[in-house]
Amino acid sequence: MLKSHLLGLAAVLAVAASPALAQKLPAATMLVADVDRVVAESTAGVAAAQQLQTRSNTLRQRLQTLQTQLQTEAQAIQTGQANNSLAGPALEARVKAFQGRQQAAQQELEKGQEDIQRAQNYVSQQIGQALQPILATMLRERGASLIVPASAVLQHSAGLDATADLLARLNAALPSVSTTPPAAPAAPAAPR
């Protein structure tokens, strides 16, 4: 019984895999696009990258300023301890104030990094939204069924590469993007 069941299953699989059935499916036509290159070289992408780099440089300079201020304060506290000019409640107050400034500096830097990350995400979102209708149009115009990222392809013919066309269309459709994301939604009020 098991043998006849297996033979029946084999017959079904053989029919399913027959060339006649495979011919009913349309041939997949694909395009290849280096989307990372398109984003990096697009007019909007280049301008956004420059703006975000400026923000990063400003944040890095602020970090250096804060580090210098905190190091100076830490050395003053250590010197005061070493020469006994700073002790007891005065030392405790100064250390506590130092720790507060240190924590405030850390929070400032974290917020700056989060703001830059939000801006990068917002830029990517805008470019991604602009790319969707462009990709759909390219598929339709070229009669392709899919666009594959160039990073996922080992080798392809030059005729399949749609990167330059995609870049030109993105530049025409989206000459610039905002690097200022919408305000983050307010946290819900705590229940009373």
N, C-alpha and C. Protein backbone atom coordinates (compact mmCIF):
# COMPACT_ATOMS: atom_id res chain seq x y z
N MET A 1 0.83 -1.19 0.00
CA MET A 1 0.00 0.00 0.00
C MET A 1 0.88 1.25 0.00
N LEU A 2 1.89 1.25 0.87
CA LEU A 2 2.80 2.38 0.94
C LEU A 2 3.53 2.56 -0.39
N LYS A 3 3.90 1.42 -1.00
CA LYS A 3 4.64 1.48 -2.26
C LYS A 3 3.77 2.09 -3.35
N SER A 4 2.52 1.72 -3.41
CA SER A 4 1.64 2.28 -4.45
C SER A 4 1.36 3.76 -4.19
N HIS A 5 1.27 4.12 -2.92
CA HIS A 5 1.07 5.54 -2.58
C HIS A 5 2.27 6.37 -3.01
N LEU A 6 3.49 5.87 -2.77
CA LEU A 6 4.70 6.58 -3.17
C LEU A 6 4.81 6.68 -4.69
N LEU A 7 4.40 5.61 -5.41
CA LEU A 7 4.43 5.66 -6.87
C LEU A 7 3.44 6.70 -7.39
N GLY A 8 2.28 6.78 -6.76
CA GLY A 8 1.28 7.78 -7.15
C GLY A 8 1.79 9.19 -6.92
N LEU A 9 2.45 9.38 -5.76
CA LEU A 9 3.03 10.69 -5.43
C LEU A 9 4.13 11.06 -6.43
N ALA A 10 4.94 10.09 -6.81
CA ALA A 10 5.99 10.33 -7.79
C ALA A 10 5.40 10.72 -9.13
N ALA A 11 4.31 10.09 -9.52
CA ALA A 11 3.65 10.42 -10.79
C ALA A 11 3.11 11.85 -10.76
N VAL A 12 2.52 12.25 -9.63
CA VAL A 12 2.01 13.61 -9.50
C VAL A 12 3.14 14.63 -9.60
N LEU A 13 4.24 14.33 -8.92
CA LEU A 13 5.39 15.24 -8.97
C LEU A 13 5.97 15.33 -10.37
N ALA A 14 6.01 14.22 -11.08
CA ALA A 14 6.55 14.22 -12.44
C ALA A 14 5.68 15.07 -13.36
N VAL A 15 4.38 14.99 -13.21
CA VAL A 15 3.47 15.79 -14.03
C VAL A 15 3.62 17.26 -13.68
N ALA A 16 3.72 17.55 -12.38
CA ALA A 16 3.84 18.94 -11.95
C ALA A 16 5.12 19.59 -12.45
N ALA A 17 6.14 18.80 -12.60
CA ALA A 17 7.43 19.34 -13.03
C ALA A 17 7.61 19.28 -14.55
N SER A 18 6.59 18.91 -15.26
CA SER A 18 6.73 18.73 -16.70
C SER A 18 6.99 20.07 -17.39
N PRO A 19 7.71 20.05 -18.50
CA PRO A 19 8.02 21.29 -19.23
C PRO A 19 6.76 22.00 -19.73
N ALA A 20 5.71 21.27 -20.00
CA ALA A 20 4.48 21.91 -20.49
C ALA A 20 3.93 22.88 -19.45
N LEU A 21 3.96 22.49 -18.20
CA LEU A 21 3.47 23.38 -17.15
C LEU A 21 4.41 24.56 -16.94
N ALA A 22 5.68 24.31 -17.02
CA ALA A 22 6.66 25.38 -16.83
C ALA A 22 6.54 26.44 -17.93
N GLN A 23 6.13 26.04 -19.13
CA GLN A 23 6.02 26.98 -20.22
C GLN A 23 4.85 27.95 -20.04
N LYS A 24 3.91 27.62 -19.19
CA LYS A 24 2.78 28.50 -18.97
C LYS A 24 3.16 29.73 -18.16
N LEU A 25 4.22 29.64 -17.39
CA LEU A 25 4.66 30.77 -16.59
C LEU A 25 5.45 31.73 -17.47
N PRO A 26 5.20 33.04 -17.35
CA PRO A 26 5.98 33.99 -18.16
C PRO A 26 7.42 34.03 -17.67
N ALA A 27 8.31 34.30 -18.59
CA ALA A 27 9.72 34.42 -18.23
C ALA A 27 9.91 35.66 -17.36
N ALA A 28 10.69 35.51 -16.31
CA ALA A 28 10.95 36.64 -15.42
C ALA A 28 12.00 37.54 -16.07
N THR A 29 11.66 38.80 -16.25
CA THR A 29 12.59 39.77 -16.77
C THR A 29 12.96 40.68 -15.61
N MET A 30 14.23 40.88 -15.42
CA MET A 30 14.64 41.68 -14.28
C MET A 30 15.56 42.81 -14.70
N LEU A 31 15.62 43.78 -13.81
CA LEU A 31 16.56 44.88 -13.93
C LEU A 31 17.44 44.85 -12.69
N VAL A 32 18.60 45.42 -12.80
CA VAL A 32 19.52 45.51 -11.67
C VAL A 32 19.78 46.99 -11.42
N ALA A 33 19.74 47.38 -10.14
CA ALA A 33 20.01 48.78 -9.81
C ALA A 33 20.84 48.86 -8.54
N ASP A 34 21.84 49.70 -8.56
CA ASP A 34 22.67 49.96 -7.38
C ASP A 34 22.00 51.09 -6.61
N VAL A 35 21.05 50.71 -5.76
CA VAL A 35 20.24 51.70 -5.04
C VAL A 35 21.11 52.50 -4.07
N ASP A 36 22.09 51.88 -3.44
CA ASP A 36 22.97 52.62 -2.53
C ASP A 36 23.69 53.74 -3.28
N ARG A 37 24.16 53.42 -4.48
CA ARG A 37 24.84 54.44 -5.30
C ARG A 37 23.88 55.53 -5.71
N VAL A 38 22.66 55.15 -6.07
CA VAL A 38 21.65 56.13 -6.48
C VAL A 38 21.39 57.10 -5.34
N VAL A 39 21.20 56.57 -4.14
CA VAL A 39 20.93 57.43 -2.97
C VAL A 39 22.14 58.32 -2.69
N ALA A 40 23.33 57.74 -2.70
CA ALA A 40 24.54 58.50 -2.36
C ALA A 40 24.89 59.56 -3.40
N GLU A 41 24.61 59.29 -4.67
CA GLU A 41 24.99 60.22 -5.72
C GLU A 41 23.86 61.15 -6.17
N SER A 42 22.66 60.91 -5.67
CA SER A 42 21.55 61.78 -6.07
C SER A 42 21.77 63.19 -5.55
N THR A 43 21.19 64.15 -6.23
CA THR A 43 21.31 65.54 -5.82
C THR A 43 20.81 65.71 -4.38
N ALA A 44 19.66 65.13 -4.09
CA ALA A 44 19.09 65.22 -2.74
C ALA A 44 19.97 64.51 -1.72
N GLY A 45 20.47 63.35 -2.08
CA GLY A 45 21.32 62.57 -1.16
C GLY A 45 22.62 63.27 -0.83
N VAL A 46 23.24 63.87 -1.85
CA VAL A 46 24.51 64.58 -1.63
C VAL A 46 24.30 65.79 -0.73
N ALA A 47 23.25 66.58 -1.02
CA ALA A 47 22.99 67.77 -0.21
C ALA A 47 22.66 67.38 1.23
N ALA A 48 21.85 66.35 1.40
CA ALA A 48 21.49 65.91 2.75
C ALA A 48 22.73 65.40 3.50
N ALA A 49 23.57 64.66 2.82
CA ALA A 49 24.79 64.13 3.46
C ALA A 49 25.69 65.27 3.92
N GLN A 50 25.79 66.33 3.12
CA GLN A 50 26.61 67.47 3.51
C GLN A 50 26.03 68.16 4.75
N GLN A 51 24.71 68.33 4.76
CA GLN A 51 24.07 68.97 5.91
C GLN A 51 24.23 68.13 7.18
N LEU A 52 24.07 66.82 7.04
CA LEU A 52 24.21 65.94 8.21
C LEU A 52 25.66 65.87 8.68
N GLN A 53 26.60 65.97 7.75
CA GLN A 53 28.02 65.98 8.13
C GLN A 53 28.33 67.24 8.92
N THR A 54 27.75 68.37 8.51
CA THR A 54 27.94 69.62 9.25
C THR A 54 27.40 69.48 10.66
N ARG A 55 26.23 68.88 10.80
CA ARG A 55 25.66 68.65 12.14
C ARG A 55 26.56 67.74 12.98
N SER A 56 27.09 66.71 12.35
CA SER A 56 27.99 65.79 13.06
C SER A 56 29.25 66.51 13.51
N ASN A 57 29.80 67.35 12.64
CA ASN A 57 31.01 68.10 13.00
C ASN A 57 30.72 69.05 14.16
N THR A 58 29.57 69.70 14.13
CA THR A 58 29.19 70.61 15.21
C THR A 58 29.06 69.85 16.53
N LEU A 59 28.44 68.68 16.46
CA LEU A 59 28.28 67.86 17.66
C LEU A 59 29.65 67.39 18.17
N ARG A 60 30.54 67.03 17.27
CA ARG A 60 31.89 66.60 17.66
C ARG A 60 32.65 67.74 18.34
N GLN A 61 32.50 68.96 17.82
CA GLN A 61 33.15 70.12 18.45
C GLN A 61 32.56 70.37 19.83
N ARG A 62 31.25 70.23 19.95
CA ARG A 62 30.61 70.41 21.26
C ARG A 62 31.11 69.37 22.25
N LEU A 63 31.29 68.14 21.79
CA LEU A 63 31.83 67.08 22.64
C LEU A 63 33.22 67.46 23.15
N GLN A 64 34.06 67.97 22.27
CA GLN A 64 35.40 68.36 22.67
C GLN A 64 35.36 69.50 23.68
N THR A 65 34.48 70.46 23.49
CA THR A 65 34.34 71.57 24.43
C THR A 65 33.91 71.06 25.80
N LEU A 66 32.90 70.20 25.81
CA LEU A 66 32.42 69.65 27.08
C LEU A 66 33.49 68.82 27.78
N GLN A 67 34.21 68.02 27.01
CA GLN A 67 35.28 67.21 27.60
C GLN A 67 36.34 68.10 28.24
N THR A 68 36.72 69.16 27.58
CA THR A 68 37.72 70.08 28.11
C THR A 68 37.23 70.72 29.41
N GLN A 69 35.98 71.18 29.39
CA GLN A 69 35.41 71.80 30.59
C GLN A 69 35.36 70.80 31.76
N LEU A 70 34.93 69.58 31.47
CA LEU A 70 34.82 68.58 32.53
C LEU A 70 36.21 68.15 33.05
N GLN A 71 37.17 68.05 32.16
CA GLN A 71 38.53 67.71 32.59
C GLN A 71 39.12 68.81 33.47
N THR A 72 38.88 70.05 33.09
CA THR A 72 39.37 71.17 33.90
C THR A 72 38.75 71.13 35.29
N GLU A 73 37.45 70.90 35.35
CA GLU A 73 36.75 70.83 36.64
C GLU A 73 37.25 69.65 37.47
N ALA A 74 37.43 68.49 36.83
CA ALA A 74 37.91 67.30 37.55
C ALA A 74 39.31 67.56 38.12
N GLN A 75 40.17 68.21 37.34
CA GLN A 75 41.52 68.52 37.83
C GLN A 75 41.48 69.50 39.00
N ALA A 76 40.57 70.46 38.93
CA ALA A 76 40.45 71.42 40.02
C ALA A 76 40.00 70.72 41.30
N ILE A 77 39.09 69.79 41.18
CA ILE A 77 38.63 69.03 42.36
C ILE A 77 39.78 68.19 42.92
N GLN A 78 40.52 67.53 42.04
CA GLN A 78 41.65 66.70 42.50
C GLN A 78 42.72 67.56 43.16
N THR A 79 43.00 68.71 42.58
CA THR A 79 44.00 69.61 43.16
C THR A 79 43.54 70.10 44.53
N GLY A 80 42.26 70.45 44.64
CA GLY A 80 41.71 70.89 45.92
C GLY A 80 41.79 69.82 46.98
N GLN A 81 41.55 68.59 46.57
CA GLN A 81 41.67 67.47 47.51
C GLN A 81 43.13 67.27 47.92
N ALA A 82 44.03 67.36 46.95
CA ALA A 82 45.44 67.09 47.21
C ALA A 82 46.04 68.13 48.15
N ASN A 83 45.67 69.40 48.03
CA ASN A 83 46.26 70.43 48.89
C ASN A 83 45.35 70.80 50.06
N ASN A 84 44.33 69.97 50.28
CA ASN A 84 43.40 70.13 51.41
C ASN A 84 42.64 71.46 51.40
N SER A 85 42.55 72.11 50.27
CA SER A 85 41.75 73.34 50.20
C SER A 85 40.28 73.01 49.91
N LEU A 86 40.01 71.77 49.59
CA LEU A 86 38.65 71.33 49.29
C LEU A 86 38.41 70.05 50.07
N ALA A 87 37.53 70.12 51.05
CA ALA A 87 37.25 68.94 51.87
C ALA A 87 35.84 69.05 52.44
N GLY A 88 35.37 67.97 53.01
CA GLY A 88 34.09 67.94 53.70
C GLY A 88 32.92 68.31 52.81
N PRO A 89 31.98 69.10 53.37
CA PRO A 89 30.78 69.46 52.61
C PRO A 89 31.08 70.22 51.32
N ALA A 90 32.11 71.05 51.31
CA ALA A 90 32.46 71.79 50.10
C ALA A 90 32.90 70.83 48.99
N LEU A 91 33.67 69.82 49.36
CA LEU A 91 34.11 68.81 48.38
C LEU A 91 32.91 68.04 47.86
N GLU A 92 32.06 67.62 48.77
CA GLU A 92 30.87 66.85 48.37
C GLU A 92 29.99 67.66 47.42
N ALA A 93 29.79 68.94 47.72
CA ALA A 93 28.96 69.80 46.88
C ALA A 93 29.58 69.97 45.49
N ARG A 94 30.89 70.15 45.48
CA ARG A 94 31.58 70.34 44.19
C ARG A 94 31.55 69.06 43.36
N VAL A 95 31.73 67.91 44.00
CA VAL A 95 31.68 66.63 43.28
C VAL A 95 30.27 66.39 42.75
N LYS A 96 29.28 66.70 43.58
CA LYS A 96 27.89 66.51 43.15
C LYS A 96 27.56 67.42 41.96
N ALA A 97 28.01 68.66 42.01
CA ALA A 97 27.80 69.59 40.89
C ALA A 97 28.51 69.10 39.63
N PHE A 98 29.72 68.58 39.81
CA PHE A 98 30.49 68.03 38.69
C PHE A 98 29.74 66.86 38.07
N GLN A 99 29.25 65.96 38.89
CA GLN A 99 28.53 64.80 38.38
C GLN A 99 27.26 65.23 37.64
N GLY A 100 26.61 66.27 38.14
CA GLY A 100 25.42 66.80 37.46
C GLY A 100 25.76 67.35 36.09
N ARG A 101 26.87 68.10 36.01
CA ARG A 101 27.30 68.65 34.71
C ARG A 101 27.72 67.52 33.76
N GLN A 102 28.36 66.51 34.33
CA GLN A 102 28.79 65.37 33.53
C GLN A 102 27.56 64.64 32.94
N GLN A 103 26.55 64.44 33.76
CA GLN A 103 25.34 63.78 33.30
C GLN A 103 24.60 64.65 32.27
N ALA A 104 24.53 65.95 32.50
CA ALA A 104 23.88 66.85 31.56
C ALA A 104 24.61 66.84 30.21
N ALA A 105 25.93 66.79 30.25
CA ALA A 105 26.72 66.74 29.02
C ALA A 105 26.43 65.45 28.26
N GLN A 106 26.37 64.35 28.98
CA GLN A 106 26.09 63.05 28.35
C GLN A 106 24.71 63.07 27.70
N GLN A 107 23.72 63.63 28.40
CA GLN A 107 22.37 63.70 27.84
C GLN A 107 22.32 64.60 26.62
N GLU A 108 23.04 65.70 26.65
CA GLU A 108 23.09 66.61 25.50
C GLU A 108 23.67 65.92 24.28
N LEU A 109 24.75 65.18 24.49
CA LEU A 109 25.38 64.48 23.37
C LEU A 109 24.50 63.36 22.84
N GLU A 110 23.85 62.63 23.72
CA GLU A 110 22.96 61.56 23.28
C GLU A 110 21.80 62.13 22.47
N LYS A 111 21.24 63.25 22.93
CA LYS A 111 20.14 63.89 22.20
C LYS A 111 20.62 64.35 20.82
N GLY A 112 21.82 64.91 20.76
CA GLY A 112 22.38 65.33 19.47
C GLY A 112 22.54 64.16 18.51
N GLN A 113 23.04 63.05 19.03
CA GLN A 113 23.21 61.86 18.19
C GLN A 113 21.85 61.31 17.74
N GLU A 114 20.89 61.31 18.64
CA GLU A 114 19.54 60.85 18.28
C GLU A 114 18.93 61.75 17.22
N ASP A 115 19.13 63.06 17.35
CA ASP A 115 18.60 64.00 16.37
C ASP A 115 19.21 63.76 14.98
N ILE A 116 20.50 63.51 14.95
CA ILE A 116 21.17 63.24 13.67
C ILE A 116 20.65 61.93 13.08
N GLN A 117 20.48 60.92 13.92
CA GLN A 117 19.96 59.63 13.44
C GLN A 117 18.53 59.78 12.92
N ARG A 118 17.70 60.54 13.62
CA ARG A 118 16.34 60.79 13.15
C ARG A 118 16.36 61.50 11.81
N ALA A 119 17.26 62.46 11.66
CA ALA A 119 17.37 63.20 10.40
C ALA A 119 17.81 62.26 9.26
N GLN A 120 18.77 61.38 9.54
CA GLN A 120 19.21 60.41 8.52
C GLN A 120 18.05 59.50 8.13
N ASN A 121 17.30 59.03 9.11
CA ASN A 121 16.16 58.17 8.82
C ASN A 121 15.11 58.90 8.00
N TYR A 122 14.90 60.18 8.32
CA TYR A 122 13.91 60.98 7.59
C TYR A 122 14.35 61.18 6.13
N VAL A 123 15.62 61.42 5.92
CA VAL A 123 16.14 61.57 4.56
C VAL A 123 15.92 60.26 3.79
N SER A 124 16.27 59.14 4.41
CA SER A 124 16.09 57.83 3.76
C SER A 124 14.62 57.58 3.44
N GLN A 125 13.75 57.95 4.35
CA GLN A 125 12.32 57.77 4.14
C GLN A 125 11.84 58.58 2.94
N GLN A 126 12.25 59.83 2.84
CA GLN A 126 11.83 60.68 1.73
C GLN A 126 12.34 60.13 0.39
N ILE A 127 13.58 59.71 0.36
CA ILE A 127 14.15 59.17 -0.87
C ILE A 127 13.45 57.86 -1.23
N GLY A 128 13.23 57.01 -0.23
CA GLY A 128 12.54 55.74 -0.47
C GLY A 128 11.14 55.95 -1.02
N GLN A 129 10.43 56.92 -0.48
CA GLN A 129 9.07 57.21 -0.98
C GLN A 129 9.12 57.73 -2.41
N ALA A 130 10.12 58.52 -2.74
CA ALA A 130 10.24 59.03 -4.10
C ALA A 130 10.64 57.93 -5.08
N LEU A 131 11.41 56.95 -4.61
CA LEU A 131 11.87 55.88 -5.49
C LEU A 131 10.74 54.91 -5.87
N GLN A 132 9.78 54.69 -5.00
CA GLN A 132 8.75 53.68 -5.26
C GLN A 132 8.01 53.90 -6.58
N PRO A 133 7.42 55.07 -6.83
CA PRO A 133 6.73 55.23 -8.12
C PRO A 133 7.69 55.21 -9.31
N ILE A 134 8.92 55.65 -9.12
CA ILE A 134 9.90 55.62 -10.20
C ILE A 134 10.21 54.18 -10.57
N LEU A 135 10.42 53.34 -9.56
CA LEU A 135 10.70 51.92 -9.82
C LEU A 135 9.51 51.25 -10.51
N ALA A 136 8.30 51.56 -10.07
CA ALA A 136 7.10 50.98 -10.70
C ALA A 136 7.01 51.38 -12.17
N THR A 137 7.30 52.65 -12.46
CA THR A 137 7.27 53.13 -13.84
C THR A 137 8.33 52.43 -14.68
N MET A 138 9.52 52.28 -14.13
CA MET A 138 10.60 51.62 -14.87
C MET A 138 10.25 50.16 -15.17
N LEU A 139 9.64 49.49 -14.20
CA LEU A 139 9.22 48.10 -14.44
C LEU A 139 8.24 48.04 -15.60
N ARG A 140 7.26 48.91 -15.56
CA ARG A 140 6.22 48.92 -16.60
C ARG A 140 6.83 49.27 -17.96
N GLU A 141 7.64 50.33 -18.02
CA GLU A 141 8.20 50.77 -19.29
C GLU A 141 9.14 49.73 -19.92
N ARG A 142 9.88 49.04 -19.09
CA ARG A 142 10.85 48.07 -19.62
C ARG A 142 10.30 46.65 -19.66
N GLY A 143 9.07 46.48 -19.24
CA GLY A 143 8.46 45.15 -19.27
C GLY A 143 9.14 44.17 -18.33
N ALA A 144 9.68 44.68 -17.26
CA ALA A 144 10.37 43.82 -16.29
C ALA A 144 9.41 43.41 -15.18
N SER A 145 9.74 42.32 -14.52
CA SER A 145 8.89 41.86 -13.43
C SER A 145 9.51 42.13 -12.07
N LEU A 146 10.80 42.44 -12.03
CA LEU A 146 11.43 42.77 -10.76
C LEU A 146 12.71 43.56 -10.96
N ILE A 147 13.06 44.31 -9.91
CA ILE A 147 14.33 45.03 -9.87
C ILE A 147 15.10 44.49 -8.69
N VAL A 148 16.31 44.05 -8.96
CA VAL A 148 17.14 43.42 -7.94
C VAL A 148 18.26 44.38 -7.56
N PRO A 149 18.55 44.52 -6.25
CA PRO A 149 19.68 45.37 -5.86
C PRO A 149 20.99 44.81 -6.42
N ALA A 150 21.83 45.67 -6.89
CA ALA A 150 23.10 45.23 -7.47
C ALA A 150 23.94 44.44 -6.47
N SER A 151 23.79 44.75 -5.19
CA SER A 151 24.57 44.05 -4.17
C SER A 151 24.17 42.57 -4.05
N ALA A 152 22.99 42.20 -4.59
CA ALA A 152 22.53 40.82 -4.51
C ALA A 152 22.86 40.03 -5.76
N VAL A 153 23.50 40.65 -6.74
CA VAL A 153 23.78 40.01 -8.01
C VAL A 153 25.29 39.82 -8.17
N LEU A 154 25.68 38.62 -8.53
CA LEU A 154 27.10 38.35 -8.73
C LEU A 154 27.58 38.90 -10.07
N GLN A 155 26.75 38.71 -11.11
CA GLN A 155 27.14 39.17 -12.44
C GLN A 155 25.87 39.38 -13.26
N HIS A 156 25.90 40.36 -14.15
CA HIS A 156 24.76 40.62 -15.03
C HIS A 156 25.25 41.33 -16.28
N SER A 157 24.42 41.29 -17.31
CA SER A 157 24.79 42.01 -18.53
C SER A 157 24.49 43.49 -18.35
N ALA A 158 25.22 44.30 -19.05
CA ALA A 158 25.09 45.76 -18.91
C ALA A 158 23.68 46.23 -19.25
N GLY A 159 22.99 45.54 -20.12
CA GLY A 159 21.64 45.93 -20.52
C GLY A 159 20.62 45.84 -19.40
N LEU A 160 20.92 45.09 -18.37
CA LEU A 160 20.00 44.95 -17.24
C LEU A 160 20.20 46.05 -16.20
N ASP A 161 21.31 46.78 -16.27
CA ASP A 161 21.63 47.77 -15.25
C ASP A 161 20.80 49.04 -15.46
N ALA A 162 19.95 49.32 -14.49
CA ALA A 162 19.06 50.50 -14.57
C ALA A 162 19.52 51.62 -13.64
N THR A 163 20.73 51.53 -13.11
CA THR A 163 21.20 52.48 -12.11
C THR A 163 21.22 53.92 -12.63
N ALA A 164 21.81 54.14 -13.79
CA ALA A 164 21.93 55.50 -14.32
C ALA A 164 20.55 56.10 -14.59
N ASP A 165 19.65 55.31 -15.16
CA ASP A 165 18.29 55.79 -15.43
C ASP A 165 17.57 56.11 -14.13
N LEU A 166 17.71 55.24 -13.15
CA LEU A 166 17.08 55.45 -11.85
C LEU A 166 17.60 56.74 -11.19
N LEU A 167 18.91 56.95 -11.26
CA LEU A 167 19.51 58.15 -10.69
C LEU A 167 18.98 59.42 -11.38
N ALA A 168 18.93 59.40 -12.69
CA ALA A 168 18.43 60.57 -13.44
C ALA A 168 16.97 60.85 -13.09
N ARG A 169 16.17 59.82 -13.00
CA ARG A 169 14.75 60.01 -12.68
C ARG A 169 14.56 60.50 -11.24
N LEU A 170 15.36 59.98 -10.32
CA LEU A 170 15.27 60.44 -8.93
C LEU A 170 15.66 61.91 -8.84
N ASN A 171 16.73 62.30 -9.53
CA ASN A 171 17.15 63.71 -9.50
C ASN A 171 16.06 64.63 -10.05
N ALA A 172 15.36 64.17 -11.08
CA ALA A 172 14.29 64.98 -11.66
C ALA A 172 13.08 65.05 -10.72
N ALA A 173 12.78 63.94 -10.07
CA ALA A 173 11.59 63.89 -9.21
C ALA A 173 11.82 64.48 -7.83
N LEU A 174 13.04 64.39 -7.33
CA LEU A 174 13.33 64.82 -5.96
C LEU A 174 14.66 65.56 -5.91
N PRO A 175 14.66 66.85 -6.25
CA PRO A 175 15.92 67.59 -6.26
C PRO A 175 16.48 67.87 -4.86
N SER A 176 15.62 67.82 -3.85
CA SER A 176 16.11 68.07 -2.49
C SER A 176 15.20 67.37 -1.49
N VAL A 177 15.72 67.20 -0.28
CA VAL A 177 14.95 66.65 0.83
C VAL A 177 15.20 67.51 2.06
N SER A 178 14.35 67.36 3.01
CA SER A 178 14.53 68.07 4.28
C SER A 178 15.34 67.19 5.23
N THR A 179 16.23 67.82 5.95
CA THR A 179 16.98 67.08 6.97
C THR A 179 16.40 67.37 8.36
N THR A 180 15.27 68.04 8.39
CA THR A 180 14.60 68.32 9.66
C THR A 180 13.35 67.46 9.75
N PRO A 181 13.43 66.38 10.51
CA PRO A 181 12.27 65.50 10.60
C PRO A 181 11.13 66.18 11.35
N PRO A 182 9.91 65.70 11.12
CA PRO A 182 8.80 66.25 11.87
C PRO A 182 9.03 66.03 13.37
N ALA A 183 8.41 66.85 14.16
CA ALA A 183 8.57 66.72 15.61
C ALA A 183 8.14 65.33 16.05
N ALA A 184 8.87 64.79 16.98
CA ALA A 184 8.53 63.47 17.52
C ALA A 184 7.21 63.58 18.25
N PRO A 185 6.38 62.55 18.16
CA PRO A 185 5.11 62.61 18.87
C PRO A 185 5.34 62.73 20.37
N ALA A 186 4.49 63.51 20.99
CA ALA A 186 4.62 63.72 22.44
C ALA A 186 4.29 62.42 23.16
N ALA A 187 5.00 62.20 24.24
CA ALA A 187 4.73 61.01 25.06
C ALA A 187 3.37 61.17 25.71
N PRO A 188 2.61 60.08 25.81
CA PRO A 188 1.30 60.19 26.45
C PRO A 188 1.46 60.59 27.92
N ALA A 189 0.49 61.35 28.38
CA ALA A 189 0.52 61.81 29.78
C ALA A 189 0.34 60.62 30.69
N ALA A 190 1.04 60.66 31.80
CA ALA A 190 0.96 59.58 32.78
C ALA A 190 -0.42 59.61 33.44
N PRO A 191 -1.04 58.45 33.64
CA PRO A 191 -2.35 58.44 34.29
C PRO A 191 -2.22 58.88 35.75
N ARG A 192 -3.26 59.52 36.21
CA ARG A 192 -3.24 60.03 37.59
C ARG A 192 -3.86 59.04 38.52
